[in-house]
């Protein structure tokens, strides 16, 4: 009973607005970088998760707040970091898929 009085009062809508600033940027870059991402939602999700794990989290409530307080140089730096993370991840995923296919092919021939 005492604990319930000490909990902050907030709505689920307030909490739902909190997100990682990089999520939207990563998705946009992936969609522009690989046409497969527009057709394969699992591929898009997998690449997004791995790319986001290569970036520092930046949690915000509203994208406009982040954009307003960044200089053009900071925006460009962030975009470059996202592009590098996505490029690295796409290379990793493609290489992993090729290795998996090669392993399946070599297993099938034995």
N, C-alpha and C. Protein backbone atom coordinates (compact mmCIF):
# COMPACT_ATOMS: atom_id res chain seq x y z
N UNK A 1 0.83 -1.19 0.00
CA UNK A 1 0.00 0.00 0.00
C UNK A 1 0.87 1.25 0.00
N UNK A 2 1.86 1.28 0.87
CA UNK A 2 2.76 2.42 0.92
C UNK A 2 3.50 2.60 -0.40
N UNK A 3 3.93 1.50 -1.01
CA UNK A 3 4.68 1.57 -2.27
C UNK A 3 3.82 2.16 -3.38
N UNK A 4 2.54 1.85 -3.40
CA UNK A 4 1.68 2.38 -4.46
C UNK A 4 1.57 3.90 -4.37
N UNK A 5 1.67 4.46 -3.20
CA UNK A 5 1.61 5.92 -3.04
C UNK A 5 2.90 6.60 -3.50
N UNK A 6 4.01 5.87 -3.48
CA UNK A 6 5.30 6.45 -3.85
C UNK A 6 5.58 6.38 -5.35
N UNK A 7 4.84 5.60 -6.07
CA UNK A 7 5.07 5.48 -7.51
C UNK A 7 4.66 6.75 -8.23
N UNK A 8 5.46 7.16 -9.19
CA UNK A 8 5.10 8.36 -9.95
C UNK A 8 3.86 8.11 -10.79
N UNK A 9 3.09 9.13 -10.96
CA UNK A 9 1.89 9.02 -11.78
C UNK A 9 2.23 9.43 -13.21
N UNK A 10 2.02 8.55 -14.14
CA UNK A 10 2.26 8.84 -15.55
C UNK A 10 1.32 7.99 -16.38
N UNK A 11 1.19 8.37 -17.61
CA UNK A 11 0.32 7.60 -18.50
C UNK A 11 1.16 6.77 -19.44
N UNK A 12 0.57 5.73 -19.96
CA UNK A 12 1.29 4.87 -20.91
C UNK A 12 1.61 5.64 -22.20
N UNK A 13 0.85 6.65 -22.52
CA UNK A 13 1.13 7.46 -23.71
C UNK A 13 2.44 8.20 -23.53
N UNK A 14 2.70 8.74 -22.34
CA UNK A 14 3.96 9.44 -22.10
C UNK A 14 5.14 8.50 -22.27
N UNK A 15 5.03 7.31 -21.77
CA UNK A 15 6.11 6.33 -21.87
C UNK A 15 6.23 5.83 -23.31
N UNK A 16 5.14 5.68 -24.00
CA UNK A 16 5.16 5.19 -25.38
C UNK A 16 5.90 6.15 -26.31
N UNK A 17 5.97 7.41 -25.97
CA UNK A 17 6.67 8.38 -26.81
C UNK A 17 8.19 8.24 -26.74
N UNK A 18 8.70 7.58 -25.74
CA UNK A 18 10.14 7.43 -25.57
C UNK A 18 10.64 6.40 -26.59
N UNK A 19 11.67 6.80 -27.34
CA UNK A 19 12.24 5.89 -28.33
C UNK A 19 13.69 6.26 -28.62
N UNK A 20 14.37 5.36 -29.26
CA UNK A 20 15.76 5.58 -29.65
C UNK A 20 15.76 6.41 -30.93
N UNK A 21 16.40 7.55 -30.89
CA UNK A 21 16.43 8.46 -32.03
C UNK A 21 16.95 7.78 -33.30
N UNK A 22 17.87 6.84 -33.16
CA UNK A 22 18.47 6.20 -34.32
C UNK A 22 17.54 5.23 -35.05
N UNK A 23 16.48 4.76 -34.42
CA UNK A 23 15.63 3.74 -35.04
C UNK A 23 15.08 4.17 -36.40
N UNK A 24 14.51 5.34 -36.47
CA UNK A 24 13.94 5.82 -37.74
C UNK A 24 15.03 6.03 -38.78
N UNK A 25 16.15 6.63 -38.37
CA UNK A 25 17.25 6.87 -39.30
C UNK A 25 17.80 5.56 -39.86
N UNK A 26 18.00 4.59 -39.00
CA UNK A 26 18.52 3.29 -39.44
C UNK A 26 17.57 2.66 -40.46
N UNK A 27 16.29 2.67 -40.18
CA UNK A 27 15.32 2.09 -41.10
C UNK A 27 15.35 2.80 -42.45
N UNK A 28 15.40 4.12 -42.44
CA UNK A 28 15.45 4.88 -43.69
C UNK A 28 16.69 4.53 -44.51
N UNK A 29 17.84 4.45 -43.85
CA UNK A 29 19.08 4.15 -44.56
C UNK A 29 19.06 2.73 -45.12
N UNK A 30 18.55 1.78 -44.36
CA UNK A 30 18.46 0.40 -44.85
C UNK A 30 17.55 0.34 -46.07
N UNK A 31 16.40 0.98 -46.00
CA UNK A 31 15.46 0.95 -47.12
C UNK A 31 16.07 1.57 -48.38
N UNK A 32 16.90 2.59 -48.22
CA UNK A 32 17.57 3.20 -49.37
C UNK A 32 18.76 2.37 -49.86
N UNK A 33 19.35 1.59 -48.97
CA UNK A 33 20.59 0.88 -49.30
C UNK A 33 20.38 -0.50 -49.90
N UNK A 34 19.27 -1.15 -49.58
CA UNK A 34 19.07 -2.52 -50.04
C UNK A 34 17.61 -2.74 -50.41
N UNK A 35 17.33 -2.97 -51.68
CA UNK A 35 15.93 -3.16 -52.12
C UNK A 35 15.23 -4.34 -51.45
N UNK A 36 16.01 -5.31 -51.01
CA UNK A 36 15.42 -6.47 -50.33
C UNK A 36 14.64 -6.06 -49.08
N UNK A 37 15.08 -4.98 -48.43
CA UNK A 37 14.45 -4.53 -47.19
C UNK A 37 13.01 -4.07 -47.42
N UNK A 38 12.69 -3.65 -48.63
CA UNK A 38 11.31 -3.21 -48.91
C UNK A 38 10.36 -4.39 -49.09
N UNK A 39 10.92 -5.57 -49.35
CA UNK A 39 10.09 -6.75 -49.61
C UNK A 39 10.11 -7.79 -48.49
N UNK A 40 11.12 -7.71 -47.64
CA UNK A 40 11.33 -8.74 -46.62
C UNK A 40 11.42 -8.09 -45.24
N UNK A 41 10.31 -8.10 -44.52
CA UNK A 41 10.26 -7.43 -43.21
C UNK A 41 11.18 -8.09 -42.19
N UNK A 42 11.39 -9.41 -42.28
CA UNK A 42 12.31 -10.08 -41.37
C UNK A 42 13.75 -9.60 -41.61
N UNK A 43 14.11 -9.46 -42.88
CA UNK A 43 15.44 -8.95 -43.23
C UNK A 43 15.61 -7.53 -42.70
N UNK A 44 14.61 -6.69 -42.90
CA UNK A 44 14.66 -5.31 -42.42
C UNK A 44 14.82 -5.29 -40.90
N UNK A 45 14.05 -6.10 -40.20
CA UNK A 45 14.13 -6.14 -38.74
C UNK A 45 15.49 -6.64 -38.26
N UNK A 46 16.00 -7.71 -38.89
CA UNK A 46 17.30 -8.26 -38.49
C UNK A 46 18.43 -7.24 -38.71
N UNK A 47 18.44 -6.62 -39.87
CA UNK A 47 19.48 -5.64 -40.17
C UNK A 47 19.36 -4.44 -39.23
N UNK A 48 18.14 -4.01 -38.97
CA UNK A 48 17.92 -2.89 -38.06
C UNK A 48 18.47 -3.18 -36.67
N UNK A 49 18.17 -4.35 -36.15
CA UNK A 49 18.64 -4.71 -34.80
C UNK A 49 20.15 -4.73 -34.72
N UNK A 50 20.79 -5.36 -35.69
CA UNK A 50 22.25 -5.46 -35.65
C UNK A 50 22.87 -4.07 -35.81
N UNK A 51 22.36 -3.27 -36.75
CA UNK A 51 22.90 -1.92 -36.95
C UNK A 51 22.71 -1.06 -35.70
N UNK A 52 21.55 -1.14 -35.09
CA UNK A 52 21.31 -0.35 -33.87
C UNK A 52 22.24 -0.76 -32.74
N UNK A 53 22.63 -2.01 -32.70
CA UNK A 53 23.57 -2.45 -31.66
C UNK A 53 24.97 -1.90 -31.87
N UNK A 54 25.24 -1.35 -33.05
CA UNK A 54 26.53 -0.72 -33.33
C UNK A 54 26.51 0.78 -33.05
N UNK A 55 25.38 1.29 -32.62
CA UNK A 55 25.23 2.73 -32.37
C UNK A 55 24.91 2.97 -30.90
N UNK A 56 25.33 4.11 -30.38
CA UNK A 56 24.98 4.40 -28.98
C UNK A 56 23.49 4.74 -28.88
N UNK A 57 22.83 4.31 -27.83
CA UNK A 57 21.42 4.67 -27.69
C UNK A 57 21.27 6.16 -27.41
N UNK A 58 20.25 6.76 -28.01
CA UNK A 58 19.92 8.18 -27.75
C UNK A 58 18.41 8.25 -27.60
N UNK A 59 17.97 8.08 -26.37
CA UNK A 59 16.53 8.05 -26.12
C UNK A 59 15.97 9.46 -26.00
N UNK A 60 14.86 9.67 -26.68
CA UNK A 60 14.19 10.96 -26.71
C UNK A 60 12.69 10.74 -26.67
N UNK A 61 11.97 11.82 -26.47
CA UNK A 61 10.51 11.76 -26.55
C UNK A 61 10.02 12.20 -27.92
N UNK A 62 10.62 13.22 -28.48
CA UNK A 62 10.16 13.77 -29.76
C UNK A 62 11.36 14.02 -30.67
N UNK A 63 11.27 13.54 -31.91
CA UNK A 63 12.36 13.72 -32.87
C UNK A 63 12.68 15.19 -33.09
N UNK A 64 11.67 16.01 -33.08
CA UNK A 64 11.87 17.43 -33.35
C UNK A 64 12.79 18.06 -32.30
N UNK A 65 12.73 17.59 -31.06
CA UNK A 65 13.62 18.11 -30.01
C UNK A 65 15.08 17.84 -30.37
N UNK A 66 15.35 16.63 -30.81
CA UNK A 66 16.71 16.25 -31.16
C UNK A 66 17.19 17.08 -32.36
N UNK A 67 16.37 17.19 -33.36
CA UNK A 67 16.75 17.93 -34.57
C UNK A 67 16.97 19.40 -34.28
N UNK A 68 16.16 19.96 -33.43
CA UNK A 68 16.24 21.39 -33.12
C UNK A 68 17.56 21.75 -32.45
N UNK A 69 18.04 20.87 -31.58
CA UNK A 69 19.23 21.18 -30.80
C UNK A 69 20.54 20.74 -31.46
N UNK A 70 20.47 20.11 -32.62
CA UNK A 70 21.68 19.66 -33.31
C UNK A 70 22.11 20.67 -34.36
N UNK A 71 23.41 20.83 -34.48
CA UNK A 71 23.95 21.67 -35.55
C UNK A 71 23.96 20.84 -36.84
N UNK A 72 24.09 21.48 -37.99
CA UNK A 72 24.20 20.73 -39.24
C UNK A 72 25.38 19.75 -39.23
N UNK A 73 26.46 20.13 -38.58
CA UNK A 73 27.63 19.24 -38.50
C UNK A 73 27.29 17.99 -37.69
N UNK A 74 26.59 18.18 -36.55
CA UNK A 74 26.19 17.03 -35.73
C UNK A 74 25.23 16.12 -36.51
N UNK A 75 24.31 16.69 -37.25
CA UNK A 75 23.38 15.89 -38.05
C UNK A 75 24.14 15.05 -39.07
N UNK A 76 25.11 15.66 -39.73
CA UNK A 76 25.91 14.94 -40.72
C UNK A 76 26.73 13.83 -40.06
N UNK A 77 27.30 14.09 -38.89
CA UNK A 77 28.06 13.07 -38.17
C UNK A 77 27.17 11.89 -37.80
N UNK A 78 25.98 12.19 -37.33
CA UNK A 78 25.04 11.12 -36.98
C UNK A 78 24.67 10.31 -38.21
N UNK A 79 24.37 10.99 -39.30
CA UNK A 79 24.02 10.29 -40.54
C UNK A 79 25.17 9.39 -40.99
N UNK A 80 26.41 9.88 -40.91
CA UNK A 80 27.56 9.08 -41.31
C UNK A 80 27.72 7.85 -40.41
N UNK A 81 27.50 8.02 -39.11
CA UNK A 81 27.58 6.88 -38.19
C UNK A 81 26.51 5.83 -38.54
N UNK A 82 25.32 6.30 -38.84
CA UNK A 82 24.23 5.38 -39.20
C UNK A 82 24.57 4.67 -40.49
N UNK A 83 25.04 5.40 -41.49
CA UNK A 83 25.39 4.79 -42.78
C UNK A 83 26.48 3.73 -42.60
N UNK A 84 27.49 4.03 -41.79
CA UNK A 84 28.56 3.06 -41.54
C UNK A 84 28.03 1.82 -40.83
N UNK A 85 27.18 2.01 -39.84
CA UNK A 85 26.61 0.87 -39.12
C UNK A 85 25.77 0.00 -40.06
N UNK A 86 24.97 0.63 -40.90
CA UNK A 86 24.13 -0.11 -41.85
C UNK A 86 25.01 -0.84 -42.87
N UNK A 87 25.99 -0.16 -43.44
CA UNK A 87 26.89 -0.79 -44.42
C UNK A 87 27.58 -2.00 -43.81
N UNK A 88 28.11 -1.84 -42.61
CA UNK A 88 28.79 -2.93 -41.92
C UNK A 88 27.82 -4.11 -41.69
N UNK A 89 26.62 -3.78 -41.28
CA UNK A 89 25.63 -4.82 -40.99
C UNK A 89 25.19 -5.54 -42.26
N UNK A 90 24.94 -4.80 -43.33
CA UNK A 90 24.56 -5.44 -44.59
C UNK A 90 25.65 -6.38 -45.07
N UNK A 91 26.91 -5.95 -44.98
CA UNK A 91 28.03 -6.82 -45.36
C UNK A 91 28.04 -8.08 -44.50
N UNK A 92 27.85 -7.89 -43.20
CA UNK A 92 27.84 -9.02 -42.27
C UNK A 92 26.72 -10.01 -42.59
N UNK A 93 25.52 -9.48 -42.81
CA UNK A 93 24.36 -10.34 -43.07
C UNK A 93 24.54 -11.10 -44.38
N UNK A 94 24.97 -10.42 -45.42
CA UNK A 94 25.17 -11.08 -46.72
C UNK A 94 26.23 -12.16 -46.60
N UNK A 95 27.35 -11.84 -45.94
CA UNK A 95 28.41 -12.83 -45.76
C UNK A 95 27.91 -14.03 -44.97
N UNK A 96 27.16 -13.77 -43.91
CA UNK A 96 26.61 -14.85 -43.08
C UNK A 96 25.65 -15.73 -43.90
N UNK A 97 24.81 -15.11 -44.71
CA UNK A 97 23.88 -15.89 -45.55
C UNK A 97 24.63 -16.73 -46.58
N UNK A 98 25.69 -16.17 -47.17
CA UNK A 98 26.49 -16.92 -48.14
C UNK A 98 27.17 -18.12 -47.48
N UNK A 99 27.72 -17.90 -46.30
CA UNK A 99 28.37 -18.99 -45.57
C UNK A 99 27.36 -20.09 -45.22
N UNK A 100 26.18 -19.66 -44.84
CA UNK A 100 25.13 -20.62 -44.49
C UNK A 100 24.73 -21.44 -45.71
N UNK A 101 24.60 -20.77 -46.85
CA UNK A 101 24.25 -21.47 -48.09
C UNK A 101 25.37 -22.44 -48.50
N UNK A 102 26.63 -22.01 -48.36
CA UNK A 102 27.76 -22.87 -48.70
C UNK A 102 27.80 -24.09 -47.78
N UNK A 103 27.55 -23.90 -46.52
CA UNK A 103 27.53 -25.02 -45.57
C UNK A 103 26.41 -25.98 -45.89
N UNK A 104 25.24 -25.46 -46.25
CA UNK A 104 24.12 -26.32 -46.62
C UNK A 104 24.42 -27.08 -47.90
N UNK A 105 25.08 -26.43 -48.86
CA UNK A 105 25.42 -27.07 -50.12
C UNK A 105 26.46 -28.17 -49.90
N UNK A 106 27.47 -27.89 -49.09
CA UNK A 106 28.51 -28.90 -48.84
C UNK A 106 27.94 -30.06 -48.02
N UNK A 107 26.99 -29.81 -47.16
CA UNK A 107 26.36 -30.88 -46.38
C UNK A 107 25.49 -31.74 -47.28
N UNK A 108 24.82 -31.13 -48.24
CA UNK A 108 23.93 -31.86 -49.15
C UNK A 108 24.71 -32.77 -50.08
N UNK A 109 25.94 -32.42 -50.42
CA UNK A 109 26.72 -33.22 -51.38
C UNK A 109 27.40 -34.40 -50.71
N UNK A 110 27.44 -34.42 -49.39
CA UNK A 110 28.10 -35.54 -48.70
C UNK A 110 27.13 -36.63 -48.35
